[in-house]
Amino acid sequence: MSEPAPPPARTLDLRGVGCPLNYVKTRVALDAVAPGECVEVWLDHGEPEENVPRSCEEDGFPVLVLEESPEGYVRVVVARPQ
């Protein structure tokens, strides 16, 4: 996670969306972008913050950014492999 992430092809605001629906929506967005592109996802703390990045990594989608926003939410940038 040391290189800057490219600009996201899509942004999902999944704050307030529970598990596992937030991962399902993330996965659909990743499948819709071209290989090499990224999806930016906004999540709540707790289970979404833990489960979505873990599930992405387990399914072969690298997490490029995982950070807390100044507003107290979690920003995740995930890439679709080439």
PDB file of N, CA and C in Angstrom:
ATOM      1  N   MET A   1       0.816  -1.189   0.000  1.00  0.00           N
ATOM      2  CA  MET A   1       0.000   0.000   0.000  1.00  0.00           C
ATOM      3  C   MET A   1       0.865   1.260   0.000  1.00  0.00           C
ATOM      4  N   SER A   2       2.078   1.206  -0.528  1.00  0.00           N
ATOM      5  CA  SER A   2       2.947   2.368  -0.479  1.00  0.00           C
ATOM      6  C   SER A   2       2.795   3.274  -1.696  1.00  0.00           C
ATOM      7  N   GLU A   3       2.457   2.739  -2.857  1.00  0.00           N
ATOM      8  CA  GLU A   3       2.280   3.559  -4.052  1.00  0.00           C
ATOM      9  C   GLU A   3       0.909   4.220  -4.026  1.00  0.00           C
ATOM     10  N   PRO A   4       0.815   5.439  -4.579  1.00  0.00           N
ATOM     11  CA  PRO A   4      -0.509   6.073  -4.621  1.00  0.00           C
ATOM     12  C   PRO A   4      -1.447   5.297  -5.537  1.00  0.00           C
ATOM     13  N   ALA A   5      -2.681   5.200  -5.115  1.00  0.00           N
ATOM     14  CA  ALA A   5      -3.686   4.480  -5.903  1.00  0.00           C
ATOM     15  C   ALA A   5      -4.112   5.343  -7.080  1.00  0.00           C
ATOM     16  N   PRO A   6      -4.378   4.719  -8.223  1.00  0.00           N
ATOM     17  CA  PRO A   6      -4.897   5.495  -9.353  1.00  0.00           C
ATOM     18  C   PRO A   6      -6.292   6.025  -9.037  1.00  0.00           C
ATOM     19  N   PRO A   7      -6.757   7.015  -9.772  1.00  0.00           N
ATOM     20  CA  PRO A   7      -8.112   7.529  -9.537  1.00  0.00           C
ATOM     21  C   PRO A   7      -9.137   6.407  -9.717  1.00  0.00           C
ATOM     22  N   PRO A   8     -10.135   6.351  -8.846  1.00  0.00           N
ATOM     23  CA  PRO A   8     -11.116   5.265  -8.956  1.00  0.00           C
ATOM     24  C   PRO A   8     -12.006   5.421 -10.185  1.00  0.00           C
ATOM     25  N   ALA A   9     -12.333   4.284 -10.791  1.00  0.00           N
ATOM     26  CA  ALA A   9     -13.273   4.270 -11.914  1.00  0.00           C
ATOM     27  C   ALA A   9     -14.706   4.406 -11.411  1.00  0.00           C
ATOM     28  N   ARG A  10     -14.932   3.944 -10.183  1.00  0.00           N
ATOM     29  CA  ARG A  10     -16.263   4.031  -9.557  1.00  0.00           C
ATOM     30  C   ARG A  10     -16.085   4.318  -8.081  1.00  0.00           C
ATOM     31  N   THR A  11     -17.086   4.970  -7.501  1.00  0.00           N
ATOM     32  CA  THR A  11     -17.120   5.213  -6.063  1.00  0.00           C
ATOM     33  C   THR A  11     -18.442   4.701  -5.525  1.00  0.00           C
ATOM     34  N   LEU A  12     -18.359   3.925  -4.447  1.00  0.00           N
ATOM     35  CA  LEU A  12     -19.554   3.395  -3.785  1.00  0.00           C
ATOM     36  C   LEU A  12     -19.642   3.967  -2.381  1.00  0.00           C
ATOM     37  N   ASP A  13     -20.787   4.493  -2.016  1.00  0.00           N
ATOM     38  CA  ASP A  13     -21.029   4.939  -0.647  1.00  0.00           C
ATOM     39  C   ASP A  13     -21.879   3.867   0.020  1.00  0.00           C
ATOM     40  N   LEU A  14     -21.220   3.005   0.787  1.00  0.00           N
ATOM     41  CA  LEU A  14     -21.911   1.899   1.444  1.00  0.00           C
ATOM     42  C   LEU A  14     -22.012   2.112   2.946  1.00  0.00           C
ATOM     43  N   ARG A  15     -21.930   3.367   3.376  1.00  0.00           N
ATOM     44  CA  ARG A  15     -22.132   3.669   4.793  1.00  0.00           C
ATOM     45  C   ARG A  15     -23.587   3.373   5.124  1.00  0.00           C
ATOM     46  N   GLY A  16     -23.787   2.640   6.189  1.00  0.00           N
ATOM     47  CA  GLY A  16     -25.139   2.258   6.586  1.00  0.00           C
ATOM     48  C   GLY A  16     -25.607   0.952   5.978  1.00  0.00           C
ATOM     49  N   VAL A  17     -24.806   0.359   5.102  1.00  0.00           N
ATOM     50  CA  VAL A  17     -25.153  -0.925   4.479  1.00  0.00           C
ATOM     51  C   VAL A  17     -24.463  -2.029   5.266  1.00  0.00           C
ATOM     52  N   GLY A  18     -25.221  -3.029   5.673  1.00  0.00           N
ATOM     53  CA  GLY A  18     -24.679  -4.103   6.492  1.00  0.00           C
ATOM     54  C   GLY A  18     -24.034  -5.219   5.692  1.00  0.00           C
ATOM     55  N   CYS A  19     -23.327  -6.074   6.425  1.00  0.00           N
ATOM     56  CA  CYS A  19     -22.709  -7.259   5.840  1.00  0.00           C
ATOM     57  C   CYS A  19     -23.790  -8.315   5.618  1.00  0.00           C
ATOM     58  N   PRO A  20     -23.713  -9.120   4.613  1.00  0.00           N
ATOM     59  CA  PRO A  20     -22.701  -9.176   3.560  1.00  0.00           C
ATOM     60  C   PRO A  20     -23.042  -8.339   2.332  1.00  0.00           C
ATOM     61  N   LEU A  21     -24.133  -7.576   2.377  1.00  0.00           N
ATOM     62  CA  LEU A  21     -24.556  -6.823   1.198  1.00  0.00           C
ATOM     63  C   LEU A  21     -23.500  -5.816   0.747  1.00  0.00           C
ATOM     64  N   ASN A  22     -22.760  -5.236   1.694  1.00  0.00           N
ATOM     65  CA  ASN A  22     -21.743  -4.263   1.296  1.00  0.00           C
ATOM     66  C   ASN A  22     -20.635  -4.926   0.474  1.00  0.00           C
ATOM     67  N   TYR A  23     -20.265  -6.160   0.815  1.00  0.00           N
ATOM     68  CA  TYR A  23     -19.257  -6.844  -0.003  1.00  0.00           C
ATOM     69  C   TYR A  23     -19.836  -7.252  -1.356  1.00  0.00           C
ATOM     70  N   VAL A  24     -21.076  -7.704  -1.379  1.00  0.00           N
ATOM     71  CA  VAL A  24     -21.702  -8.094  -2.650  1.00  0.00           C
ATOM     72  C   VAL A  24     -21.713  -6.906  -3.606  1.00  0.00           C
ATOM     73  N   LYS A  25     -22.081  -5.736  -3.115  1.00  0.00           N
ATOM     74  CA  LYS A  25     -22.108  -4.535  -3.963  1.00  0.00           C
ATOM     75  C   LYS A  25     -20.698  -4.147  -4.407  1.00  0.00           C
ATOM     76  N   THR A  26     -19.725  -4.308  -3.525  1.00  0.00           N
ATOM     77  CA  THR A  26     -18.336  -4.025  -3.888  1.00  0.00           C
ATOM     78  C   THR A  26     -17.874  -4.974  -4.981  1.00  0.00           C
ATOM     79  N   ARG A  27     -18.183  -6.242  -4.825  1.00  0.00           N
ATOM     80  CA  ARG A  27     -17.762  -7.244  -5.818  1.00  0.00           C
ATOM     81  C   ARG A  27     -18.415  -6.988  -7.174  1.00  0.00           C
ATOM     82  N   VAL A  28     -19.690  -6.627  -7.201  1.00  0.00           N
ATOM     83  CA  VAL A  28     -20.371  -6.311  -8.462  1.00  0.00           C
ATOM     84  C   VAL A  28     -19.679  -5.125  -9.135  1.00  0.00           C
ATOM     85  N   ALA A  29     -19.317  -4.110  -8.358  1.00  0.00           N
ATOM     86  CA  ALA A  29     -18.626  -2.945  -8.920  1.00  0.00           C
ATOM     87  C   ALA A  29     -17.251  -3.328  -9.460  1.00  0.00           C
ATOM     88  N   LEU A  30     -16.534  -4.185  -8.751  1.00  0.00           N
ATOM     89  CA  LEU A  30     -15.222  -4.627  -9.227  1.00  0.00           C
ATOM     90  C   LEU A  30     -15.339  -5.424 -10.521  1.00  0.00           C
ATOM     91  N   ASP A  31     -16.366  -6.246 -10.620  1.00  0.00           N
ATOM     92  CA  ASP A  31     -16.571  -7.024 -11.841  1.00  0.00           C
ATOM     93  C   ASP A  31     -16.952  -6.134 -13.019  1.00  0.00           C
ATOM     94  N   ALA A  32     -17.489  -4.946 -12.742  1.00  0.00           N
ATOM     95  CA  ALA A  32     -17.960  -4.052 -13.804  1.00  0.00           C
ATOM     96  C   ALA A  32     -16.866  -3.140 -14.359  1.00  0.00           C
ATOM     97  N   VAL A  33     -15.775  -2.945 -13.617  1.00  0.00           N
ATOM     98  CA  VAL A  33     -14.707  -2.075 -14.113  1.00  0.00           C
ATOM     99  C   VAL A  33     -13.701  -2.898 -14.914  1.00  0.00           C
ATOM    100  N   ALA A  34     -12.919  -2.213 -15.717  1.00  0.00           N
ATOM    101  CA  ALA A  34     -11.916  -2.878 -16.548  1.00  0.00           C
ATOM    102  C   ALA A  34     -10.751  -3.370 -15.687  1.00  0.00           C
ATOM    103  N   PRO A  35     -10.074  -4.430 -16.119  1.00  0.00           N
ATOM    104  CA  PRO A  35      -8.878  -4.873 -15.401  1.00  0.00           C
ATOM    105  C   PRO A  35      -7.876  -3.727 -15.259  1.00  0.00           C
ATOM    106  N   GLY A  36      -7.325  -3.605 -14.058  1.00  0.00           N
ATOM    107  CA  GLY A  36      -6.382  -2.537 -13.755  1.00  0.00           C
ATOM    108  C   GLY A  36      -7.024  -1.299 -13.156  1.00  0.00           C
ATOM    109  N   GLU A  37      -8.350  -1.198 -13.239  1.00  0.00           N
ATOM    110  CA  GLU A  37      -9.041  -0.050 -12.653  1.00  0.00           C
ATOM    111  C   GLU A  37      -9.364  -0.314 -11.182  1.00  0.00           C
ATOM    112  N   CYS A  38      -9.724   0.768 -10.481  1.00  0.00           N
ATOM    113  CA  CYS A  38      -9.991   0.694  -9.045  1.00  0.00           C
ATOM    114  C   CYS A  38     -11.409   1.131  -8.721  1.00  0.00           C
ATOM    115  N   VAL A  39     -11.868   0.646  -7.574  1.00  0.00           N
ATOM    116  CA  VAL A  39     -13.154   1.048  -7.018  1.00  0.00           C
ATOM    117  C   VAL A  39     -12.885   1.620  -5.628  1.00  0.00           C
ATOM    118  N   GLU A  40     -13.433   2.800  -5.362  1.00  0.00           N
ATOM    119  CA  GLU A  40     -13.345   3.431  -4.050  1.00  0.00           C
ATOM    120  C   GLU A  40     -14.634   3.120  -3.304  1.00  0.00           C
ATOM    121  N   VAL A  41     -14.497   2.648  -2.059  1.00  0.00           N
ATOM    122  CA  VAL A  41     -15.659   2.251  -1.264  1.00  0.00           C
ATOM    123  C   VAL A  41     -15.602   2.970   0.081  1.00  0.00           C
ATOM    124  N   TRP A  42     -16.732   3.555   0.470  1.00  0.00           N
ATOM    125  CA  TRP A  42     -16.868   4.194   1.781  1.00  0.00           C
ATOM    126  C   TRP A  42     -17.679   3.274   2.674  1.00  0.00           C
ATOM    127  N   LEU A  43     -17.123   2.963   3.856  1.00  0.00           N
ATOM    128  CA  LEU A  43     -17.732   2.001   4.775  1.00  0.00           C
ATOM    129  C   LEU A  43     -17.830   2.576   6.184  1.00  0.00           C
ATOM    130  N   ASP A  44     -18.667   1.921   6.988  1.00  0.00           N
ATOM    131  CA  ASP A  44     -18.721   2.202   8.417  1.00  0.00           C
ATOM    132  C   ASP A  44     -17.612   1.422   9.118  1.00  0.00           C
ATOM    133  N   HIS A  45     -17.310   1.848  10.359  1.00  0.00           N
ATOM    134  CA  HIS A  45     -16.381   1.085  11.195  1.00  0.00           C
ATOM    135  C   HIS A  45     -17.039  -0.223  11.621  1.00  0.00           C
ATOM    136  N   GLY A  46     -16.244  -1.108  12.194  1.00  0.00           N
ATOM    137  CA  GLY A  46     -16.771  -2.373  12.699  1.00  0.00           C
ATOM    138  C   GLY A  46     -16.676  -3.473  11.657  1.00  0.00           C
ATOM    139  N   GLU A  47     -17.726  -4.288  11.575  1.00  0.00           N
ATOM    140  CA  GLU A  47     -17.717  -5.433  10.660  1.00  0.00           C
ATOM    141  C   GLU A  47     -17.424  -5.046   9.215  1.00  0.00           C
ATOM    142  N   PRO A  48     -18.051  -3.998   8.665  1.00  0.00           N
ATOM    143  CA  PRO A  48     -17.737  -3.650   7.273  1.00  0.00           C
ATOM    144  C   PRO A  48     -16.252  -3.344   7.063  1.00  0.00           C
ATOM    145  N   GLU A  49     -15.663  -2.614   7.995  1.00  0.00           N
ATOM    146  CA  GLU A  49     -14.247  -2.245   7.902  1.00  0.00           C
ATOM    147  C   GLU A  49     -13.349  -3.480   7.906  1.00  0.00           C
ATOM    148  N   GLU A  50     -13.753  -4.506   8.635  1.00  0.00           N
ATOM    149  CA  GLU A  50     -12.968  -5.736   8.721  1.00  0.00           C
ATOM    150  C   GLU A  50     -13.263  -6.681   7.561  1.00  0.00           C
ATOM    151  N   ASN A  51     -14.547  -6.877   7.265  1.00  0.00           N
ATOM    152  CA  ASN A  51     -14.943  -7.927   6.332  1.00  0.00           C
ATOM    153  C   ASN A  51     -14.752  -7.588   4.863  1.00  0.00           C
ATOM    154  N   VAL A  52     -15.071  -6.367   4.456  1.00  0.00           N
ATOM    155  CA  VAL A  52     -14.986  -6.036   3.026  1.00  0.00           C
ATOM    156  C   VAL A  52     -13.542  -6.118   2.523  1.00  0.00           C
ATOM    157  N   PRO A  53     -12.567  -5.459   3.166  1.00  0.00           N
ATOM    158  CA  PRO A  53     -11.191  -5.592   2.666  1.00  0.00           C
ATOM    159  C   PRO A  53     -10.680  -7.037   2.708  1.00  0.00           C
ATOM    160  N   ARG A  54     -11.006  -7.756   3.775  1.00  0.00           N
ATOM    161  CA  ARG A  54     -10.556  -9.149   3.882  1.00  0.00           C
ATOM    162  C   ARG A  54     -11.135  -9.994   2.762  1.00  0.00           C
ATOM    163  N   SER A  55     -12.429  -9.846   2.500  1.00  0.00           N
ATOM    164  CA  SER A  55     -13.078 -10.625   1.447  1.00  0.00           C
ATOM    165  C   SER A  55     -12.519 -10.268   0.074  1.00  0.00           C
ATOM    166  N   CYS A  56     -12.249  -8.990  -0.151  1.00  0.00           N
ATOM    167  CA  CYS A  56     -11.645  -8.581  -1.427  1.00  0.00           C
ATOM    168  C   CYS A  56     -10.302  -9.276  -1.627  1.00  0.00           C
ATOM    169  N   GLU A  57      -9.452  -9.214  -0.612  1.00  0.00           N
ATOM    170  CA  GLU A  57      -8.135  -9.855  -0.701  1.00  0.00           C
ATOM    171  C   GLU A  57      -8.269 -11.357  -0.925  1.00  0.00           C
ATOM    172  N   GLU A  58      -9.176 -11.999  -0.202  1.00  0.00           N
ATOM    173  CA  GLU A  58      -9.371 -13.443  -0.352  1.00  0.00           C
ATOM    174  C   GLU A  58      -9.820 -13.813  -1.762  1.00  0.00           C
ATOM    175  N   ASP A  59     -10.560 -12.924  -2.418  1.00  0.00           N
ATOM    176  CA  ASP A  59     -11.048 -13.183  -3.774  1.00  0.00           C
ATOM    177  C   ASP A  59     -10.092 -12.674  -4.853  1.00  0.00           C
ATOM    178  N   GLY A  60      -8.908 -12.208  -4.448  1.00  0.00           N
ATOM    179  CA  GLY A  60      -7.891 -11.824  -5.421  1.00  0.00           C
ATOM    180  C   GLY A  60      -7.921 -10.376  -5.865  1.00  0.00           C
ATOM    181  N   PHE A  61      -8.648  -9.519  -5.136  1.00  0.00           N
ATOM    182  CA  PHE A  61      -8.708  -8.094  -5.457  1.00  0.00           C
ATOM    183  C   PHE A  61      -7.845  -7.337  -4.445  1.00  0.00           C
ATOM    184  N   PRO A  62      -6.689  -6.818  -4.855  1.00  0.00           N
ATOM    185  CA  PRO A  62      -5.805  -6.160  -3.896  1.00  0.00           C
ATOM    186  C   PRO A  62      -6.387  -4.860  -3.338  1.00  0.00           C
ATOM    187  N   VAL A  63      -6.233  -4.703  -2.038  1.00  0.00           N
ATOM    188  CA  VAL A  63      -6.639  -3.470  -1.361  1.00  0.00           C
ATOM    189  C   VAL A  63      -5.449  -2.513  -1.417  1.00  0.00           C
ATOM    190  N   LEU A  64      -5.644  -1.375  -2.085  1.00  0.00           N
ATOM    191  CA  LEU A  64      -4.567  -0.400  -2.258  1.00  0.00           C
ATOM    192  C   LEU A  64      -4.564   0.664  -1.174  1.00  0.00           C
ATOM    193  N   VAL A  65      -5.740   0.992  -0.655  1.00  0.00           N
ATOM    194  CA  VAL A  65      -5.870   2.028   0.378  1.00  0.00           C
ATOM    195  C   VAL A  65      -6.883   1.546   1.403  1.00  0.00           C
ATOM    196  N   LEU A  66      -6.544   1.726   2.666  1.00  0.00           N
ATOM    197  CA  LEU A  66      -7.466   1.466   3.776  1.00  0.00           C
ATOM    198  C   LEU A  66      -7.172   2.545   4.808  1.00  0.00           C
ATOM    199  N   GLU A  67      -8.061   3.538   4.899  1.00  0.00           N
ATOM    200  CA  GLU A  67      -7.785   4.673   5.777  1.00  0.00           C
ATOM    201  C   GLU A  67      -9.079   5.229   6.358  1.00  0.00           C
ATOM    202  N   GLU A  68      -8.925   5.908   7.481  1.00  0.00           N
ATOM    203  CA  GLU A  68     -10.069   6.574   8.099  1.00  0.00           C
ATOM    204  C   GLU A  68     -10.162   7.993   7.555  1.00  0.00           C
ATOM    205  N   SER A  69     -11.375   8.402   7.250  1.00  0.00           N
ATOM    206  CA  SER A  69     -11.594   9.765   6.764  1.00  0.00           C
ATOM    207  C   SER A  69     -11.709  10.708   7.958  1.00  0.00           C
ATOM    208  N   PRO A  70     -11.550  12.011   7.742  1.00  0.00           N
ATOM    209  CA  PRO A  70     -11.724  12.971   8.838  1.00  0.00           C
ATOM    210  C   PRO A  70     -13.130  12.921   9.445  1.00  0.00           C
ATOM    211  N   GLU A  71     -14.110  12.464   8.663  1.00  0.00           N
ATOM    212  CA  GLU A  71     -15.493  12.382   9.153  1.00  0.00           C
ATOM    213  C   GLU A  71     -15.739  11.140  10.002  1.00  0.00           C
ATOM    214  N   GLY A  72     -14.742  10.245  10.086  1.00  0.00           N
ATOM    215  CA  GLY A  72     -14.881   9.060  10.921  1.00  0.00           C
ATOM    216  C   GLY A  72     -15.357   7.820  10.194  1.00  0.00           C
ATOM    217  N   TYR A  73     -15.349   7.845   8.874  1.00  0.00           N
ATOM    218  CA  TYR A  73     -15.709   6.658   8.097  1.00  0.00           C
ATOM    219  C   TYR A  73     -14.441   6.017   7.548  1.00  0.00           C
ATOM    220  N   VAL A  74     -14.598   4.910   6.870  1.00  0.00           N
ATOM    221  CA  VAL A  74     -13.458   4.184   6.326  1.00  0.00           C
ATOM    222  C   VAL A  74     -13.488   4.273   4.803  1.00  0.00           C
ATOM    223  N   ARG A  75     -12.360   4.629   4.232  1.00  0.00           N
ATOM    224  CA  ARG A  75     -12.206   4.686   2.769  1.00  0.00           C
ATOM    225  C   ARG A  75     -11.312   3.528   2.347  1.00  0.00           C
ATOM    226  N   VAL A  76     -11.812   2.743   1.406  1.00  0.00           N
ATOM    227  CA  VAL A  76     -11.073   1.602   0.883  1.00  0.00           C
ATOM    228  C   VAL A  76     -10.995   1.762  -0.630  1.00  0.00           C
ATOM    229  N   VAL A  77      -9.810   1.558  -1.189  1.00  0.00           N
ATOM    230  CA  VAL A  77      -9.646   1.534  -2.642  1.00  0.00           C
ATOM    231  C   VAL A  77      -9.151   0.145  -3.008  1.00  0.00           C
ATOM    232  N   VAL A  78      -9.906  -0.504  -3.888  1.00  0.00           N
ATOM    233  CA  VAL A  78      -9.629  -1.886  -4.278  1.00  0.00           C
ATOM    234  C   VAL A  78      -9.408  -1.925  -5.784  1.00  0.00           C
ATOM    235  N   ALA A  79      -8.430  -2.719  -6.225  1.00  0.00           N
ATOM    236  CA  ALA A  79      -8.122  -2.827  -7.651  1.00  0.00           C
ATOM    237  C   ALA A  79      -8.657  -4.132  -8.223  1.00  0.00           C
ATOM    238  N   ARG A  80      -9.053  -4.052  -9.487  1.00  0.00           N
ATOM    239  CA  ARG A  80      -9.345  -5.274 -10.238  1.00  0.00           C
ATOM    240  C   ARG A  80      -8.038  -5.669 -10.918  1.00  0.00           C
ATOM    241  N   PRO A  81      -7.553  -6.878 -10.667  1.00  0.00           N
ATOM    242  CA  PRO A  81      -6.267  -7.282 -11.255  1.00  0.00           C
ATOM    243  C   PRO A  81      -6.313  -7.277 -12.782  1.00  0.00           C
ATOM    244  N   GLN A  82      -5.145  -7.101 -13.362  1.00  0.00           N
ATOM    245  CA  GLN A  82      -5.055  -7.099 -14.827  1.00  0.00           C
ATOM    246  C   GLN A  82      -5.031  -8.496 -15.376  1.00  0.00           C
TER     247      GLN A  82
END
